[in-house]
N, C-alpha and C. Protein backbone atom coordinates (compact mmCIF):
# COMPACT_ATOMS: atom_id res chain seq x y z
N MET A 1 86.75 51.66 67.99
CA MET A 1 88.09 52.11 67.70
C MET A 1 89.02 51.92 68.89
N SER A 2 88.50 52.11 70.09
CA SER A 2 89.39 52.06 71.25
C SER A 2 89.31 50.75 72.00
N THR A 3 88.57 49.77 71.50
CA THR A 3 88.44 48.51 72.22
C THR A 3 89.50 47.49 71.85
N SER A 4 90.31 47.77 70.84
CA SER A 4 91.36 46.84 70.45
C SER A 4 92.70 47.56 70.42
N SER A 5 93.76 46.77 70.47
CA SER A 5 95.09 47.39 70.45
C SER A 5 95.39 47.99 69.08
N LYS A 6 94.80 47.41 68.04
CA LYS A 6 94.94 47.97 66.69
C LYS A 6 93.60 48.56 66.30
N SER A 7 93.64 49.68 65.65
CA SER A 7 92.40 50.35 65.26
C SER A 7 91.81 49.70 64.02
N ILE A 8 90.53 49.89 63.83
CA ILE A 8 89.86 49.44 62.63
C ILE A 8 90.28 50.36 61.47
N SER A 9 90.34 49.84 60.27
CA SER A 9 90.75 50.69 59.14
C SER A 9 89.57 51.55 58.69
N SER A 10 89.89 52.65 58.04
CA SER A 10 88.83 53.52 57.54
C SER A 10 88.03 52.83 56.44
N ILE A 11 88.63 51.90 55.74
CA ILE A 11 87.91 51.13 54.71
C ILE A 11 86.85 50.26 55.38
N GLN A 12 87.25 49.57 56.45
CA GLN A 12 86.31 48.72 57.19
C GLN A 12 85.20 49.56 57.81
N MET A 13 85.54 50.69 58.39
CA MET A 13 84.54 51.54 59.02
C MET A 13 83.57 52.08 57.98
N GLY A 14 84.08 52.47 56.82
CA GLY A 14 83.23 52.96 55.75
C GLY A 14 82.21 51.93 55.32
N LYS A 15 82.65 50.69 55.16
CA LYS A 15 81.74 49.61 54.79
C LYS A 15 80.72 49.34 55.89
N CYS A 16 81.16 49.36 57.13
CA CYS A 16 80.29 49.07 58.27
C CYS A 16 79.16 50.09 58.38
N PHE A 17 79.45 51.37 58.14
CA PHE A 17 78.46 52.43 58.29
C PHE A 17 77.92 52.96 56.96
N SER A 18 78.27 52.30 55.87
CA SER A 18 77.82 52.69 54.52
C SER A 18 78.16 54.14 54.20
N ILE A 19 79.41 54.52 54.49
CA ILE A 19 79.91 55.85 54.17
C ILE A 19 81.21 55.68 53.37
N SER A 20 81.66 56.74 52.74
CA SER A 20 82.88 56.64 51.94
C SER A 20 84.10 56.45 52.85
N GLN A 21 85.16 55.93 52.29
CA GLN A 21 86.40 55.74 53.04
C GLN A 21 86.92 57.08 53.52
N GLY A 22 86.81 58.11 52.69
CA GLY A 22 87.28 59.45 53.06
C GLY A 22 86.53 60.02 54.26
N THR A 23 85.22 59.84 54.27
CA THR A 23 84.41 60.31 55.39
C THR A 23 84.76 59.55 56.65
N ALA A 24 84.94 58.23 56.53
CA ALA A 24 85.32 57.41 57.68
C ALA A 24 86.68 57.84 58.22
N TRP A 25 87.63 58.11 57.33
CA TRP A 25 88.96 58.54 57.75
C TRP A 25 88.87 59.86 58.51
N TYR A 26 88.10 60.82 57.97
CA TYR A 26 87.94 62.13 58.61
C TYR A 26 87.31 61.97 59.99
N PHE A 27 86.28 61.15 60.09
CA PHE A 27 85.62 60.90 61.37
C PHE A 27 86.60 60.30 62.38
N MET A 28 87.40 59.33 61.92
CA MET A 28 88.37 58.69 62.81
C MET A 28 89.43 59.67 63.28
N GLN A 29 89.85 60.60 62.42
CA GLN A 29 90.82 61.62 62.82
C GLN A 29 90.23 62.51 63.92
N LYS A 30 88.98 62.91 63.76
CA LYS A 30 88.31 63.76 64.75
C LYS A 30 88.17 63.04 66.09
N VAL A 31 87.77 61.77 66.04
CA VAL A 31 87.62 60.98 67.27
C VAL A 31 88.97 60.81 67.95
N GLY A 32 90.00 60.49 67.16
CA GLY A 32 91.35 60.31 67.72
C GLY A 32 91.87 61.58 68.38
N LYS A 33 91.64 62.71 67.74
CA LYS A 33 92.07 63.99 68.31
C LYS A 33 91.33 64.28 69.62
N THR A 34 90.04 63.99 69.63
CA THR A 34 89.24 64.19 70.84
C THR A 34 89.71 63.27 71.96
N MET A 35 90.01 62.03 71.63
CA MET A 35 90.46 61.08 72.64
C MET A 35 91.80 61.51 73.23
N LYS A 36 92.70 62.03 72.39
CA LYS A 36 94.00 62.50 72.89
C LYS A 36 93.84 63.70 73.81
N SER A 37 92.94 64.62 73.43
CA SER A 37 92.77 65.84 74.23
C SER A 37 92.06 65.57 75.55
N SER A 38 91.39 64.43 75.66
CA SER A 38 90.67 64.13 76.89
C SER A 38 91.40 63.15 77.79
N GLN A 39 92.69 62.90 77.55
CA GLN A 39 93.44 61.96 78.37
C GLN A 39 93.48 62.38 79.83
N LYS A 40 93.36 63.67 80.05
CA LYS A 40 93.37 64.18 81.41
C LYS A 40 92.09 63.77 82.16
N TYR A 41 91.01 63.55 81.42
CA TYR A 41 89.71 63.21 82.00
C TYR A 41 89.28 61.84 81.51
N THR A 42 89.85 60.81 82.08
CA THR A 42 89.57 59.46 81.62
C THR A 42 88.16 59.03 81.97
N LEU A 43 87.60 58.18 81.10
CA LEU A 43 86.27 57.63 81.33
C LEU A 43 86.40 56.41 82.21
N GLU A 44 85.46 56.22 83.11
CA GLU A 44 85.53 55.11 84.03
C GLU A 44 84.55 53.99 83.70
N LYS A 45 83.61 54.25 82.81
CA LYS A 45 82.62 53.24 82.45
C LYS A 45 82.56 53.10 80.94
N LEU A 46 81.89 52.07 80.48
CA LEU A 46 81.73 51.82 79.05
C LEU A 46 80.81 52.88 78.44
N ILE A 47 81.23 53.45 77.32
CA ILE A 47 80.45 54.45 76.61
C ILE A 47 80.03 53.87 75.27
N ASN A 48 78.74 53.94 74.98
CA ASN A 48 78.22 53.45 73.70
C ASN A 48 77.73 54.61 72.87
N VAL A 49 78.01 54.57 71.59
CA VAL A 49 77.50 55.57 70.65
C VAL A 49 76.46 54.87 69.79
N ASP A 50 75.23 55.34 69.86
CA ASP A 50 74.15 54.70 69.12
C ASP A 50 74.18 55.05 67.63
N GLY A 51 74.69 56.22 67.30
CA GLY A 51 74.74 56.62 65.91
C GLY A 51 75.37 57.99 65.77
N PHE A 52 75.59 58.38 64.54
CA PHE A 52 76.12 59.70 64.27
C PHE A 52 75.63 60.15 62.92
N MET A 53 75.61 61.45 62.71
CA MET A 53 75.14 62.03 61.47
C MET A 53 76.34 62.46 60.63
N VAL A 54 76.28 62.22 59.34
CA VAL A 54 77.34 62.61 58.44
C VAL A 54 76.73 63.55 57.40
N GLY A 55 77.26 64.77 57.34
CA GLY A 55 76.83 65.70 56.31
C GLY A 55 75.56 66.47 56.60
N GLU A 56 75.02 66.36 57.78
CA GLU A 56 73.81 67.09 58.14
C GLU A 56 74.15 68.47 58.66
N LYS A 57 73.31 69.44 58.39
CA LYS A 57 73.51 70.79 58.89
C LYS A 57 72.34 71.21 59.73
C-alpha cells in the first residue's frame, strides 16, 4: 500500500488475499489510520508483513 504513489484498490487487494472487497477496504482503512498516527515515528528500514488473520478470535 505504501510503496507506490497511488494505493492499490480494495478490489485488487481482496482478490490478491482471497478476501471480500469489504474486508479488504476495512483492513486498508485500519492500516491507513495507523500509518497516519505513526508519522511522528517514521520507519527507517523496509518492513515486510508475512501474513494477517481475518475474522479470527
